[in-house]
């Protein structure tokens, strides 16, 4: 199984399990915690760069050795991606955490950190990440694989960060695979086709009205 096919299977498993968990226990998710920057930097907060703010907001929520690789800020929302080495992997690999913090009031942030949303990157299968906060406060993550591109958009809905769009296209085990998830249409659509043929030979559509939410992590360990 290739890393891309493993990632695809993982996402489908995650999205289905999220639907089942939400139906069984709709209030069971732990929301992001409220936090204030350390007093020593609070008075100069507005003068800090987005990288400095990201380290101050999320540094205690990710593993101690995690490195900041991307950060963005727009409209009162700060987002970042951290990574840390995976020592048990056969290749030099890193796990990544998506961190989001909207400012609720002056100096008060609701922090959400998760490792569910990001692909593992390795020397054998590198994944390049770009991150931006859109004008409506949604967080867009793009992951460029060797033979594929994955983009997912997260938005806060009713106090919970939920997947609103996902788009994947790439070469998976010598097949061309696309995946599209859109919260507005409440559909997840996947197609498969031969690399040398423009027409897909299979298409799958799943309809759902259950939100896919981010889990919550603390120092790299899942707590929700």
N, C-alpha and C. Protein backbone atom coordinates (compact mmCIF):
# COMPACT_ATOMS: atom_id res chain seq x y z
N UNK A 1 0.85 -1.19 0.00
CA UNK A 1 0.00 0.00 0.00
C UNK A 1 0.89 1.24 0.00
N UNK A 2 0.63 2.18 -0.85
CA UNK A 2 1.43 3.39 -0.93
C UNK A 2 1.02 4.36 0.17
N UNK A 3 1.90 5.36 0.50
CA UNK A 3 1.52 6.37 1.49
C UNK A 3 0.25 7.11 1.09
N UNK A 4 0.06 7.37 -0.23
CA UNK A 4 -1.13 8.09 -0.65
C UNK A 4 -2.39 7.27 -0.38
N UNK A 5 -2.35 5.95 -0.71
CA UNK A 5 -3.54 5.13 -0.49
C UNK A 5 -3.82 4.98 1.00
N UNK A 6 -2.75 4.90 1.82
CA UNK A 6 -2.94 4.84 3.26
C UNK A 6 -3.61 6.11 3.77
N UNK A 7 -3.16 7.26 3.24
CA UNK A 7 -3.75 8.53 3.65
C UNK A 7 -5.22 8.61 3.25
N UNK A 8 -5.53 8.15 2.02
CA UNK A 8 -6.91 8.18 1.56
C UNK A 8 -7.80 7.29 2.44
N UNK A 9 -7.31 6.06 2.71
CA UNK A 9 -8.07 5.16 3.56
C UNK A 9 -8.25 5.76 4.95
N UNK A 10 -7.21 6.41 5.43
CA UNK A 10 -7.29 7.03 6.75
C UNK A 10 -8.33 8.13 6.81
N UNK A 11 -8.37 8.95 5.75
CA UNK A 11 -9.35 10.03 5.75
C UNK A 11 -10.77 9.49 5.69
N UNK A 12 -11.00 8.49 4.83
CA UNK A 12 -12.35 7.92 4.73
C UNK A 12 -12.75 7.29 6.06
N UNK A 13 -11.80 6.56 6.69
CA UNK A 13 -12.10 5.96 7.99
C UNK A 13 -12.41 7.05 9.01
N UNK A 14 -11.64 8.14 8.97
CA UNK A 14 -11.84 9.24 9.92
C UNK A 14 -13.20 9.90 9.71
N UNK A 15 -13.53 10.18 8.45
CA UNK A 15 -14.77 10.88 8.16
C UNK A 15 -15.97 10.03 8.56
N UNK A 16 -15.90 8.72 8.30
CA UNK A 16 -17.00 7.83 8.67
C UNK A 16 -17.11 7.72 10.19
N UNK A 17 -15.96 7.54 10.86
CA UNK A 17 -16.00 7.42 12.32
C UNK A 17 -16.48 8.71 12.96
N UNK A 18 -16.15 9.85 12.35
CA UNK A 18 -16.63 11.13 12.88
C UNK A 18 -18.14 11.21 12.80
N UNK A 19 -18.71 10.73 11.67
CA UNK A 19 -20.16 10.72 11.53
C UNK A 19 -20.79 9.85 12.62
N UNK A 20 -20.23 8.65 12.84
CA UNK A 20 -20.79 7.73 13.81
C UNK A 20 -20.67 8.28 15.23
N UNK A 21 -19.52 8.86 15.56
CA UNK A 21 -19.34 9.41 16.89
C UNK A 21 -20.28 10.58 17.14
N UNK A 22 -20.45 11.41 16.12
CA UNK A 22 -21.32 12.57 16.28
C UNK A 22 -22.77 12.14 16.49
N UNK A 23 -23.19 11.07 15.82
CA UNK A 23 -24.55 10.58 15.98
C UNK A 23 -24.74 9.95 17.36
N UNK A 24 -23.69 9.26 17.85
CA UNK A 24 -23.81 8.57 19.13
C UNK A 24 -23.67 9.52 20.31
N UNK A 25 -22.80 10.52 20.18
CA UNK A 25 -22.56 11.43 21.30
C UNK A 25 -22.26 12.82 20.78
N UNK A 26 -23.29 13.57 20.38
CA UNK A 26 -23.07 14.86 19.73
C UNK A 26 -22.38 15.88 20.61
N UNK A 27 -22.39 15.71 21.93
CA UNK A 27 -21.74 16.66 22.82
C UNK A 27 -20.47 16.10 23.42
N UNK A 28 -19.96 15.02 22.86
CA UNK A 28 -18.83 14.34 23.44
C UNK A 28 -17.47 14.93 23.11
N UNK A 29 -17.37 15.84 22.14
CA UNK A 29 -16.10 16.42 21.77
C UNK A 29 -15.69 17.48 22.79
N UNK A 30 -14.39 17.53 23.10
CA UNK A 30 -13.86 18.56 23.97
C UNK A 30 -13.47 19.76 23.12
N UNK A 31 -14.03 20.92 23.43
CA UNK A 31 -13.74 22.11 22.64
C UNK A 31 -12.39 22.69 23.02
N UNK A 32 -11.90 23.58 22.17
CA UNK A 32 -10.64 24.23 22.45
C UNK A 32 -10.69 25.02 23.75
N UNK A 33 -9.55 25.10 24.43
CA UNK A 33 -9.50 25.78 25.71
C UNK A 33 -9.21 27.26 25.52
N UNK A 34 -9.71 28.06 26.48
CA UNK A 34 -9.43 29.48 26.47
C UNK A 34 -8.09 29.74 27.12
N UNK A 35 -7.32 30.66 26.56
CA UNK A 35 -5.99 30.95 27.11
C UNK A 35 -5.64 32.40 26.85
N UNK A 36 -4.76 32.92 27.70
CA UNK A 36 -4.24 34.27 27.56
C UNK A 36 -2.72 34.16 27.44
N UNK A 37 -2.10 34.99 26.58
CA UNK A 37 -0.63 34.95 26.49
C UNK A 37 0.01 35.23 27.85
N UNK A 38 1.25 34.80 28.02
CA UNK A 38 1.97 35.02 29.27
C UNK A 38 2.03 36.52 29.59
N UNK A 39 1.90 36.89 30.86
CA UNK A 39 1.92 38.31 31.24
C UNK A 39 3.14 39.05 30.72
N UNK A 40 4.28 38.36 30.63
CA UNK A 40 5.51 39.02 30.22
C UNK A 40 5.46 39.54 28.79
N UNK A 41 4.58 38.93 27.94
CA UNK A 41 4.50 39.39 26.56
C UNK A 41 3.15 40.01 26.23
N UNK A 42 2.23 39.99 27.21
CA UNK A 42 0.87 40.45 26.92
C UNK A 42 0.85 41.92 26.51
N UNK A 43 1.65 42.75 27.17
CA UNK A 43 1.62 44.18 26.89
C UNK A 43 2.16 44.53 25.51
N UNK A 44 2.98 43.65 24.92
CA UNK A 44 3.56 43.92 23.61
C UNK A 44 3.03 42.97 22.55
N UNK A 45 1.89 42.36 22.82
CA UNK A 45 1.34 41.33 21.93
C UNK A 45 1.17 41.82 20.51
N UNK A 46 0.63 42.99 20.33
CA UNK A 46 0.35 43.50 18.98
C UNK A 46 1.61 43.74 18.17
N UNK A 47 2.75 43.86 18.85
CA UNK A 47 4.01 44.12 18.15
C UNK A 47 4.75 42.84 17.76
N UNK A 48 4.25 41.69 18.22
CA UNK A 48 4.91 40.43 17.90
C UNK A 48 4.58 40.00 16.48
N UNK A 49 5.50 39.29 15.85
CA UNK A 49 5.23 38.72 14.53
C UNK A 49 4.26 37.56 14.68
N UNK A 50 3.68 37.12 13.57
CA UNK A 50 2.73 36.00 13.62
C UNK A 50 3.45 34.73 14.08
N UNK A 51 4.73 34.57 13.75
CA UNK A 51 5.48 33.41 14.21
C UNK A 51 5.64 33.45 15.73
N UNK A 52 5.97 34.61 16.28
CA UNK A 52 6.13 34.74 17.73
C UNK A 52 4.80 34.51 18.45
N UNK A 53 3.72 35.05 17.90
CA UNK A 53 2.41 34.83 18.51
C UNK A 53 2.03 33.35 18.48
N UNK A 54 2.34 32.68 17.37
CA UNK A 54 2.01 31.26 17.25
C UNK A 54 2.76 30.43 18.29
N UNK A 55 4.03 30.72 18.49
CA UNK A 55 4.80 29.98 19.50
C UNK A 55 4.26 30.24 20.90
N UNK A 56 3.84 31.48 21.16
CA UNK A 56 3.31 31.81 22.48
C UNK A 56 1.96 31.13 22.72
N UNK A 57 1.12 31.07 21.69
CA UNK A 57 -0.21 30.50 21.84
C UNK A 57 -0.19 28.98 21.92
N UNK A 58 0.62 28.34 21.08
CA UNK A 58 0.51 26.88 20.91
C UNK A 58 1.68 26.09 21.48
N UNK A 59 2.74 26.77 21.92
CA UNK A 59 3.95 26.08 22.33
C UNK A 59 3.74 25.06 23.43
N UNK A 60 2.80 25.31 24.33
CA UNK A 60 2.56 24.37 25.44
C UNK A 60 1.56 23.28 25.07
N UNK A 61 0.97 23.36 23.87
CA UNK A 61 -0.03 22.38 23.44
C UNK A 61 0.52 21.32 22.49
N UNK A 62 1.77 21.48 22.09
CA UNK A 62 2.40 20.52 21.17
C UNK A 62 3.63 19.93 21.86
N UNK A 63 4.20 18.84 21.34
CA UNK A 63 5.40 18.27 21.96
C UNK A 63 6.51 19.31 22.12
N UNK A 64 7.32 19.13 23.14
CA UNK A 64 8.33 20.11 23.49
C UNK A 64 9.32 20.36 22.36
N UNK A 65 9.59 19.31 21.57
CA UNK A 65 10.57 19.45 20.49
C UNK A 65 9.93 19.82 19.16
N UNK A 66 8.65 20.16 19.15
CA UNK A 66 7.97 20.49 17.89
C UNK A 66 8.49 21.79 17.30
N UNK A 67 8.58 21.83 15.97
CA UNK A 67 9.06 22.99 15.24
C UNK A 67 7.90 23.67 14.51
N UNK A 68 7.90 24.99 14.50
CA UNK A 68 6.90 25.75 13.74
C UNK A 68 7.31 25.78 12.28
N UNK A 69 6.42 25.32 11.37
CA UNK A 69 6.77 25.30 9.95
C UNK A 69 5.88 26.21 9.11
N UNK A 70 4.73 26.64 9.66
CA UNK A 70 3.84 27.54 8.91
C UNK A 70 2.96 28.27 9.90
N UNK A 71 2.64 29.52 9.59
CA UNK A 71 1.75 30.29 10.45
C UNK A 71 1.07 31.37 9.63
N UNK A 72 -0.11 31.77 10.08
CA UNK A 72 -0.88 32.79 9.37
C UNK A 72 -1.84 33.45 10.35
N UNK A 73 -2.24 34.66 10.02
CA UNK A 73 -3.16 35.40 10.89
C UNK A 73 -4.02 36.31 10.02
N UNK A 74 -5.32 36.36 10.33
CA UNK A 74 -6.23 37.22 9.58
C UNK A 74 -7.54 37.31 10.34
N UNK A 75 -8.08 38.51 10.44
CA UNK A 75 -9.41 38.69 11.02
C UNK A 75 -9.59 38.14 12.41
N UNK A 76 -8.59 38.25 13.27
CA UNK A 76 -8.72 37.77 14.64
C UNK A 76 -8.46 36.28 14.81
N UNK A 77 -8.05 35.58 13.76
CA UNK A 77 -7.76 34.15 13.84
C UNK A 77 -6.28 33.93 13.54
N UNK A 78 -5.61 33.20 14.44
CA UNK A 78 -4.21 32.80 14.23
C UNK A 78 -4.17 31.30 14.02
N UNK A 79 -3.42 30.85 13.01
CA UNK A 79 -3.29 29.42 12.72
C UNK A 79 -1.82 29.09 12.51
N UNK A 80 -1.47 27.85 12.82
CA UNK A 80 -0.07 27.43 12.66
C UNK A 80 -0.01 25.93 12.47
N UNK A 81 1.11 25.48 11.91
CA UNK A 81 1.40 24.05 11.79
C UNK A 81 2.76 23.80 12.43
N UNK A 82 2.79 22.85 13.36
CA UNK A 82 4.03 22.41 13.99
C UNK A 82 4.33 20.98 13.56
N UNK A 83 5.60 20.60 13.64
CA UNK A 83 5.97 19.22 13.34
C UNK A 83 7.00 18.73 14.34
N UNK A 84 7.00 17.41 14.55
CA UNK A 84 7.99 16.78 15.44
C UNK A 84 8.40 15.45 14.84
N UNK A 85 9.64 15.04 15.09
CA UNK A 85 10.18 13.81 14.52
C UNK A 85 9.48 12.57 15.08
N UNK A 86 9.28 11.59 14.19
CA UNK A 86 8.78 10.27 14.59
C UNK A 86 9.96 9.32 14.64
N UNK A 87 10.30 8.84 15.79
CA UNK A 87 11.52 8.05 15.95
C UNK A 87 11.33 6.59 15.58
N UNK A 88 10.08 6.09 15.58
CA UNK A 88 9.88 4.67 15.30
C UNK A 88 9.75 4.37 13.82
N UNK A 89 9.79 5.38 12.96
CA UNK A 89 9.60 5.17 11.53
C UNK A 89 10.87 4.65 10.86
N UNK A 90 10.69 3.87 9.77
CA UNK A 90 11.83 3.36 9.01
C UNK A 90 12.55 4.48 8.26
N UNK A 91 11.83 5.52 7.90
CA UNK A 91 12.41 6.68 7.22
C UNK A 91 12.36 7.88 8.18
N UNK A 92 13.17 8.88 7.88
CA UNK A 92 13.10 10.13 8.65
C UNK A 92 11.72 10.74 8.42
N UNK A 93 10.89 10.74 9.46
CA UNK A 93 9.49 11.15 9.33
C UNK A 93 9.10 12.16 10.40
N UNK A 94 8.09 12.95 10.08
CA UNK A 94 7.56 13.91 11.06
C UNK A 94 6.04 13.82 11.10
N UNK A 95 5.50 13.98 12.29
CA UNK A 95 4.06 14.15 12.48
C UNK A 95 3.79 15.64 12.60
N UNK A 96 2.59 16.04 12.19
CA UNK A 96 2.27 17.47 12.17
C UNK A 96 0.97 17.76 12.91
N UNK A 97 0.91 18.96 13.49
CA UNK A 97 -0.25 19.39 14.25
C UNK A 97 -0.79 20.69 13.67
N UNK A 98 -2.09 20.73 13.46
CA UNK A 98 -2.77 21.94 13.02
C UNK A 98 -3.29 22.67 14.26
N UNK A 99 -2.92 23.93 14.39
CA UNK A 99 -3.27 24.72 15.57
C UNK A 99 -4.07 25.95 15.14
N UNK A 100 -5.18 26.21 15.81
CA UNK A 100 -6.05 27.34 15.46
C UNK A 100 -6.46 28.06 16.74
N UNK A 101 -6.44 29.38 16.70
CA UNK A 101 -6.82 30.17 17.88
C UNK A 101 -7.54 31.45 17.48
N UNK A 102 -8.88 31.47 17.50
CA UNK A 102 -9.60 32.73 17.32
C UNK A 102 -9.55 33.55 18.61
N UNK A 103 -9.48 34.85 18.47
CA UNK A 103 -9.46 35.73 19.64
C UNK A 103 -10.90 36.05 20.05
N UNK A 104 -11.29 35.58 21.24
CA UNK A 104 -12.67 35.76 21.71
C UNK A 104 -12.92 37.18 22.20
N UNK A 105 -11.95 37.71 22.91
CA UNK A 105 -11.99 39.08 23.37
C UNK A 105 -10.55 39.54 23.49
N UNK A 106 -10.32 40.76 23.90
CA UNK A 106 -8.97 41.29 23.92
C UNK A 106 -8.05 40.42 24.77
N UNK A 107 -7.10 39.76 24.10
CA UNK A 107 -6.12 38.95 24.79
C UNK A 107 -6.58 37.57 25.20
N UNK A 108 -7.80 37.17 24.86
CA UNK A 108 -8.32 35.86 25.21
C UNK A 108 -8.53 35.05 23.93
N UNK A 109 -7.87 33.87 23.86
CA UNK A 109 -7.92 33.05 22.66
C UNK A 109 -8.49 31.66 22.98
N UNK A 110 -9.28 31.11 22.06
CA UNK A 110 -9.79 29.74 22.16
C UNK A 110 -8.87 28.86 21.34
N UNK A 111 -8.05 28.04 22.00
CA UNK A 111 -7.00 27.29 21.33
C UNK A 111 -7.47 25.89 20.99
N UNK A 112 -7.26 25.50 19.74
CA UNK A 112 -7.58 24.16 19.25
C UNK A 112 -6.34 23.59 18.58
N UNK A 113 -5.91 22.40 19.01
CA UNK A 113 -4.73 21.75 18.46
C UNK A 113 -5.07 20.31 18.14
N UNK A 114 -4.76 19.86 16.92
CA UNK A 114 -5.08 18.48 16.53
C UNK A 114 -4.02 17.89 15.63
N UNK A 115 -3.81 16.59 15.76
CA UNK A 115 -2.93 15.86 14.86
C UNK A 115 -3.70 15.04 13.84
N UNK A 116 -5.03 15.07 13.89
CA UNK A 116 -5.85 14.27 12.98
C UNK A 116 -5.84 14.79 11.55
N UNK A 117 -5.66 16.08 11.38
CA UNK A 117 -5.94 16.69 10.09
C UNK A 117 -4.76 16.71 9.12
N UNK A 118 -3.56 16.36 9.60
CA UNK A 118 -2.37 16.53 8.77
C UNK A 118 -1.74 15.19 8.40
N UNK A 119 -1.20 15.12 7.17
CA UNK A 119 -0.50 13.92 6.72
C UNK A 119 0.89 13.85 7.34
N UNK A 120 1.40 12.63 7.53
CA UNK A 120 2.78 12.43 7.96
C UNK A 120 3.70 12.67 6.76
N UNK A 121 4.81 13.35 7.00
CA UNK A 121 5.79 13.61 5.95
C UNK A 121 7.06 12.84 6.27
N UNK A 122 7.68 12.25 5.24
CA UNK A 122 8.90 11.49 5.45
C UNK A 122 9.89 11.78 4.33
N UNK A 123 11.14 11.33 4.53
CA UNK A 123 12.15 11.50 3.49
C UNK A 123 11.80 10.70 2.24
N UNK A 124 11.05 9.61 2.41
CA UNK A 124 10.59 8.81 1.28
C UNK A 124 9.39 9.44 0.60
N UNK A 125 8.53 10.06 1.40
CA UNK A 125 7.30 10.67 0.88
C UNK A 125 7.12 12.05 1.50
N UNK A 126 7.87 13.05 1.02
CA UNK A 126 7.77 14.40 1.61
C UNK A 126 6.43 15.08 1.28
N UNK A 127 5.95 15.86 2.21
CA UNK A 127 4.72 16.62 2.03
C UNK A 127 5.01 18.07 2.40
N UNK A 128 4.80 18.98 1.46
CA UNK A 128 5.04 20.40 1.68
C UNK A 128 3.72 21.06 2.07
N UNK A 129 3.75 21.84 3.15
CA UNK A 129 2.53 22.45 3.69
C UNK A 129 2.52 23.95 3.48
N UNK A 130 1.38 24.48 3.04
CA UNK A 130 1.14 25.92 3.05
C UNK A 130 -0.16 26.17 3.81
N UNK A 131 -0.26 27.33 4.41
CA UNK A 131 -1.36 27.64 5.32
C UNK A 131 -1.79 29.08 5.13
N UNK A 132 -3.11 29.31 5.15
CA UNK A 132 -3.60 30.69 5.15
C UNK A 132 -4.93 30.77 5.88
N UNK A 133 -5.18 31.94 6.45
CA UNK A 133 -6.47 32.24 7.06
C UNK A 133 -7.24 33.12 6.09
N UNK A 134 -8.40 32.65 5.65
CA UNK A 134 -9.18 33.36 4.65
C UNK A 134 -9.92 34.55 5.27
N UNK A 135 -10.51 35.36 4.41
CA UNK A 135 -11.17 36.57 4.87
C UNK A 135 -12.33 36.33 5.81
N UNK A 136 -12.97 35.16 5.69
CA UNK A 136 -14.10 34.86 6.56
C UNK A 136 -13.68 34.13 7.83
N UNK A 137 -12.36 34.05 8.07
CA UNK A 137 -11.86 33.41 9.27
C UNK A 137 -11.62 31.92 9.13
N UNK A 138 -11.95 31.33 7.97
CA UNK A 138 -11.69 29.91 7.75
C UNK A 138 -10.20 29.68 7.56
N UNK A 139 -9.75 28.49 7.91
CA UNK A 139 -8.33 28.12 7.80
C UNK A 139 -8.17 27.12 6.66
N UNK A 140 -7.34 27.48 5.69
CA UNK A 140 -7.10 26.64 4.51
C UNK A 140 -5.70 26.03 4.59
N UNK A 141 -5.63 24.72 4.49
CA UNK A 141 -4.36 24.00 4.53
C UNK A 141 -4.16 23.29 3.19
N UNK A 142 -3.00 23.49 2.59
CA UNK A 142 -2.66 22.79 1.35
C UNK A 142 -1.46 21.90 1.61
N UNK A 143 -1.56 20.62 1.20
CA UNK A 143 -0.48 19.67 1.37
C UNK A 143 -0.09 19.13 0.00
N UNK A 144 1.13 19.46 -0.43
CA UNK A 144 1.63 19.03 -1.73
C UNK A 144 2.46 17.76 -1.55
N UNK A 145 1.93 16.63 -2.02
CA UNK A 145 2.63 15.36 -1.99
C UNK A 145 3.47 15.21 -3.26
N UNK A 146 4.23 14.15 -3.35
CA UNK A 146 5.04 13.92 -4.55
C UNK A 146 4.17 13.79 -5.80
N UNK A 147 3.04 13.06 -5.67
CA UNK A 147 2.20 12.79 -6.83
C UNK A 147 0.74 13.16 -6.57
N UNK A 148 0.52 14.09 -5.66
CA UNK A 148 -0.86 14.43 -5.32
C UNK A 148 -0.91 15.78 -4.62
N UNK A 149 -2.10 16.35 -4.60
CA UNK A 149 -2.32 17.60 -3.87
C UNK A 149 -3.60 17.47 -3.06
N UNK A 150 -3.52 17.90 -1.81
CA UNK A 150 -4.63 17.78 -0.87
C UNK A 150 -4.89 19.15 -0.25
N UNK A 151 -6.12 19.61 -0.31
CA UNK A 151 -6.48 20.90 0.28
C UNK A 151 -7.71 20.72 1.16
N UNK A 152 -7.64 21.24 2.38
CA UNK A 152 -8.80 21.16 3.27
C UNK A 152 -9.02 22.49 3.96
N UNK A 153 -10.29 22.83 4.15
CA UNK A 153 -10.68 24.11 4.72
C UNK A 153 -11.50 23.86 5.97
N UNK A 154 -11.12 24.53 7.07
CA UNK A 154 -11.78 24.39 8.36
C UNK A 154 -12.40 25.72 8.76
N UNK A 155 -13.61 25.67 9.29
CA UNK A 155 -14.29 26.89 9.70
C UNK A 155 -15.00 26.65 11.03
N UNK A 156 -15.06 27.69 11.84
CA UNK A 156 -15.72 27.58 13.13
C UNK A 156 -17.22 27.73 12.95
N UNK A 157 -17.95 26.71 13.37
CA UNK A 157 -19.40 26.70 13.27
C UNK A 157 -19.98 26.36 14.64
N UNK A 158 -20.66 27.31 15.24
CA UNK A 158 -21.25 27.07 16.55
C UNK A 158 -20.22 26.74 17.62
N UNK A 159 -19.05 27.35 17.53
CA UNK A 159 -18.01 27.12 18.52
C UNK A 159 -17.14 25.91 18.25
N UNK A 160 -17.36 25.18 17.16
CA UNK A 160 -16.57 24.00 16.82
C UNK A 160 -15.92 24.20 15.45
N UNK A 161 -14.66 23.77 15.34
CA UNK A 161 -13.97 23.84 14.05
C UNK A 161 -14.31 22.61 13.24
N UNK A 162 -14.92 22.84 12.07
CA UNK A 162 -15.44 21.75 11.25
C UNK A 162 -14.87 21.82 9.84
N UNK A 163 -14.77 20.65 9.21
CA UNK A 163 -14.34 20.57 7.83
C UNK A 163 -15.46 21.07 6.92
N UNK A 164 -15.17 22.10 6.12
CA UNK A 164 -16.18 22.62 5.21
C UNK A 164 -15.91 22.25 3.76
N UNK A 165 -14.63 22.06 3.41
CA UNK A 165 -14.29 21.63 2.06
C UNK A 165 -13.02 20.79 2.10
N UNK A 166 -12.97 19.79 1.23
CA UNK A 166 -11.74 19.01 1.05
C UNK A 166 -11.63 18.64 -0.41
N UNK A 167 -10.45 18.80 -0.97
CA UNK A 167 -10.22 18.48 -2.37
C UNK A 167 -8.88 17.76 -2.49
N UNK A 168 -8.92 16.55 -3.06
CA UNK A 168 -7.71 15.76 -3.27
C UNK A 168 -7.68 15.29 -4.72
N UNK A 169 -6.50 15.33 -5.32
CA UNK A 169 -6.30 14.78 -6.66
C UNK A 169 -4.88 14.27 -6.76
N UNK A 170 -4.73 13.02 -7.24
CA UNK A 170 -3.38 12.52 -7.37
C UNK A 170 -3.30 11.07 -7.82
N UNK A 171 -2.07 10.63 -7.98
CA UNK A 171 -1.75 9.27 -8.42
C UNK A 171 -1.67 8.38 -7.18
N UNK A 172 -2.58 7.42 -7.08
CA UNK A 172 -2.63 6.51 -5.95
C UNK A 172 -2.57 5.08 -6.50
N UNK A 173 -1.45 4.38 -6.24
CA UNK A 173 -1.29 3.00 -6.70
C UNK A 173 -1.59 2.85 -8.19
N UNK A 174 -1.00 3.75 -8.99
CA UNK A 174 -1.12 3.72 -10.45
C UNK A 174 -2.55 4.00 -10.93
N UNK A 175 -3.32 4.65 -10.10
CA UNK A 175 -4.65 5.11 -10.49
C UNK A 175 -4.74 6.61 -10.22
N UNK A 176 -5.56 7.30 -11.01
CA UNK A 176 -5.80 8.72 -10.74
C UNK A 176 -7.06 8.83 -9.88
N UNK A 177 -6.89 9.38 -8.70
CA UNK A 177 -7.98 9.45 -7.72
C UNK A 177 -8.30 10.91 -7.41
N UNK A 178 -9.60 11.21 -7.32
CA UNK A 178 -10.03 12.52 -6.84
C UNK A 178 -11.00 12.32 -5.68
N UNK A 179 -10.98 13.26 -4.76
CA UNK A 179 -11.92 13.26 -3.64
C UNK A 179 -12.39 14.68 -3.41
N UNK A 180 -13.68 14.85 -3.25
CA UNK A 180 -14.25 16.17 -2.99
C UNK A 180 -15.26 16.05 -1.85
N UNK A 181 -15.06 16.86 -0.82
CA UNK A 181 -16.04 16.95 0.26
C UNK A 181 -16.48 18.40 0.36
N UNK A 182 -17.80 18.62 0.43
CA UNK A 182 -18.35 19.97 0.51
C UNK A 182 -19.47 19.97 1.54
N UNK A 183 -19.28 20.73 2.61
CA UNK A 183 -20.29 20.80 3.65
C UNK A 183 -21.59 21.40 3.12
N UNK A 184 -21.47 22.34 2.17
CA UNK A 184 -22.66 23.01 1.64
C UNK A 184 -23.58 22.04 0.93
N UNK A 185 -23.01 21.07 0.21
CA UNK A 185 -23.83 20.09 -0.50
C UNK A 185 -24.03 18.80 0.30
N UNK A 186 -23.33 18.69 1.44
CA UNK A 186 -23.42 17.52 2.32
C UNK A 186 -23.08 16.24 1.55
N UNK A 187 -22.00 16.31 0.76
CA UNK A 187 -21.59 15.15 -0.03
C UNK A 187 -20.09 14.96 -0.02
N UNK A 188 -19.68 13.70 -0.03
CA UNK A 188 -18.29 13.30 -0.23
C UNK A 188 -18.25 12.44 -1.49
N UNK A 189 -17.53 12.89 -2.52
CA UNK A 189 -17.50 12.21 -3.82
C UNK A 189 -16.07 11.80 -4.13
N UNK A 190 -15.86 10.54 -4.48
CA UNK A 190 -14.55 10.03 -4.87
C UNK A 190 -14.64 9.37 -6.24
N UNK A 191 -13.63 9.57 -7.08
CA UNK A 191 -13.57 8.93 -8.39
C UNK A 191 -12.22 8.24 -8.55
N UNK A 192 -12.20 7.20 -9.39
CA UNK A 192 -10.96 6.50 -9.72
C UNK A 192 -10.90 6.29 -11.23
N UNK A 193 -9.72 6.42 -11.78
CA UNK A 193 -9.54 6.20 -13.21
C UNK A 193 -8.11 5.79 -13.51
N UNK A 194 -7.88 5.29 -14.73
CA UNK A 194 -6.53 4.94 -15.15
C UNK A 194 -5.76 6.21 -15.48
N UNK A 195 -4.45 6.20 -15.20
CA UNK A 195 -3.62 7.38 -15.43
C UNK A 195 -3.69 7.83 -16.88
N UNK A 196 -3.72 6.86 -17.81
CA UNK A 196 -3.68 7.21 -19.24
C UNK A 196 -5.05 7.55 -19.81
N UNK A 197 -6.10 7.53 -18.98
CA UNK A 197 -7.46 7.77 -19.47
C UNK A 197 -8.09 8.92 -18.70
N UNK A 198 -8.71 9.86 -19.42
CA UNK A 198 -9.32 11.02 -18.78
C UNK A 198 -10.63 10.67 -18.08
N UNK A 199 -11.28 9.57 -18.48
CA UNK A 199 -12.58 9.22 -17.93
C UNK A 199 -12.44 8.26 -16.74
N UNK A 200 -13.05 8.56 -15.59
CA UNK A 200 -12.99 7.64 -14.45
C UNK A 200 -13.79 6.37 -14.71
N UNK A 201 -13.34 5.26 -14.13
CA UNK A 201 -14.08 4.01 -14.27
C UNK A 201 -14.94 3.71 -13.05
N UNK A 202 -14.77 4.51 -11.98
CA UNK A 202 -15.58 4.29 -10.78
C UNK A 202 -15.81 5.62 -10.07
N UNK A 203 -17.00 5.76 -9.49
CA UNK A 203 -17.33 6.96 -8.74
C UNK A 203 -18.17 6.56 -7.52
N UNK A 204 -17.85 7.17 -6.40
CA UNK A 204 -18.56 6.86 -5.16
C UNK A 204 -19.03 8.16 -4.53
N UNK A 205 -20.24 8.18 -4.04
CA UNK A 205 -20.80 9.37 -3.41
C UNK A 205 -21.43 8.99 -2.08
N UNK A 206 -21.06 9.72 -1.03
CA UNK A 206 -21.64 9.52 0.29
C UNK A 206 -22.30 10.82 0.72
N UNK A 207 -23.56 10.75 1.09
CA UNK A 207 -24.28 11.93 1.57
C UNK A 207 -24.34 11.91 3.09
N UNK A 208 -24.13 13.05 3.69
CA UNK A 208 -24.16 13.14 5.14
C UNK A 208 -24.46 14.56 5.57
N UNK A 209 -25.14 14.69 6.69
CA UNK A 209 -25.37 16.01 7.27
C UNK A 209 -24.71 16.13 8.63
N UNK A 210 -23.75 15.23 8.93
CA UNK A 210 -23.04 15.25 10.21
C UNK A 210 -21.71 15.97 10.03
N UNK A 211 -21.39 16.87 10.94
CA UNK A 211 -20.17 17.65 10.83
C UNK A 211 -18.94 16.82 11.18
N UNK A 212 -17.85 17.03 10.44
CA UNK A 212 -16.56 16.44 10.75
C UNK A 212 -15.77 17.47 11.54
N UNK A 213 -15.50 17.17 12.82
CA UNK A 213 -14.88 18.14 13.71
C UNK A 213 -13.42 17.79 13.97
N UNK A 214 -12.65 18.80 14.33
CA UNK A 214 -11.29 18.58 14.77
C UNK A 214 -11.31 18.02 16.18
N UNK A 215 -10.42 17.04 16.45
CA UNK A 215 -10.24 16.58 17.81
C UNK A 215 -9.32 17.55 18.55
N UNK A 216 -9.06 17.27 19.80
CA UNK A 216 -8.20 18.12 20.60
C UNK A 216 -7.02 17.31 21.12
N UNK A 217 -5.83 17.88 21.00
CA UNK A 217 -4.61 17.21 21.45
C UNK A 217 -3.91 18.09 22.49
N UNK A 218 -3.16 17.44 23.38
CA UNK A 218 -2.33 18.17 24.33
C UNK A 218 -0.97 17.49 24.37
N UNK A 219 0.08 18.25 24.02
CA UNK A 219 1.45 17.72 23.96
C UNK A 219 1.54 16.45 23.14
N UNK A 220 0.80 16.44 22.03
CA UNK A 220 0.88 15.33 21.10
C UNK A 220 0.02 14.16 21.44
N UNK A 221 -0.74 14.21 22.55
CA UNK A 221 -1.59 13.10 22.93
C UNK A 221 -3.06 13.49 22.76
N UNK A 222 -3.85 12.61 22.14
CA UNK A 222 -5.26 12.90 21.93
C UNK A 222 -6.01 12.86 23.25
N UNK A 223 -6.82 13.87 23.51
CA UNK A 223 -7.63 13.91 24.72
C UNK A 223 -9.10 14.03 24.39
N UNK A 224 -9.46 14.00 23.10
CA UNK A 224 -10.87 14.03 22.71
C UNK A 224 -10.99 13.44 21.31
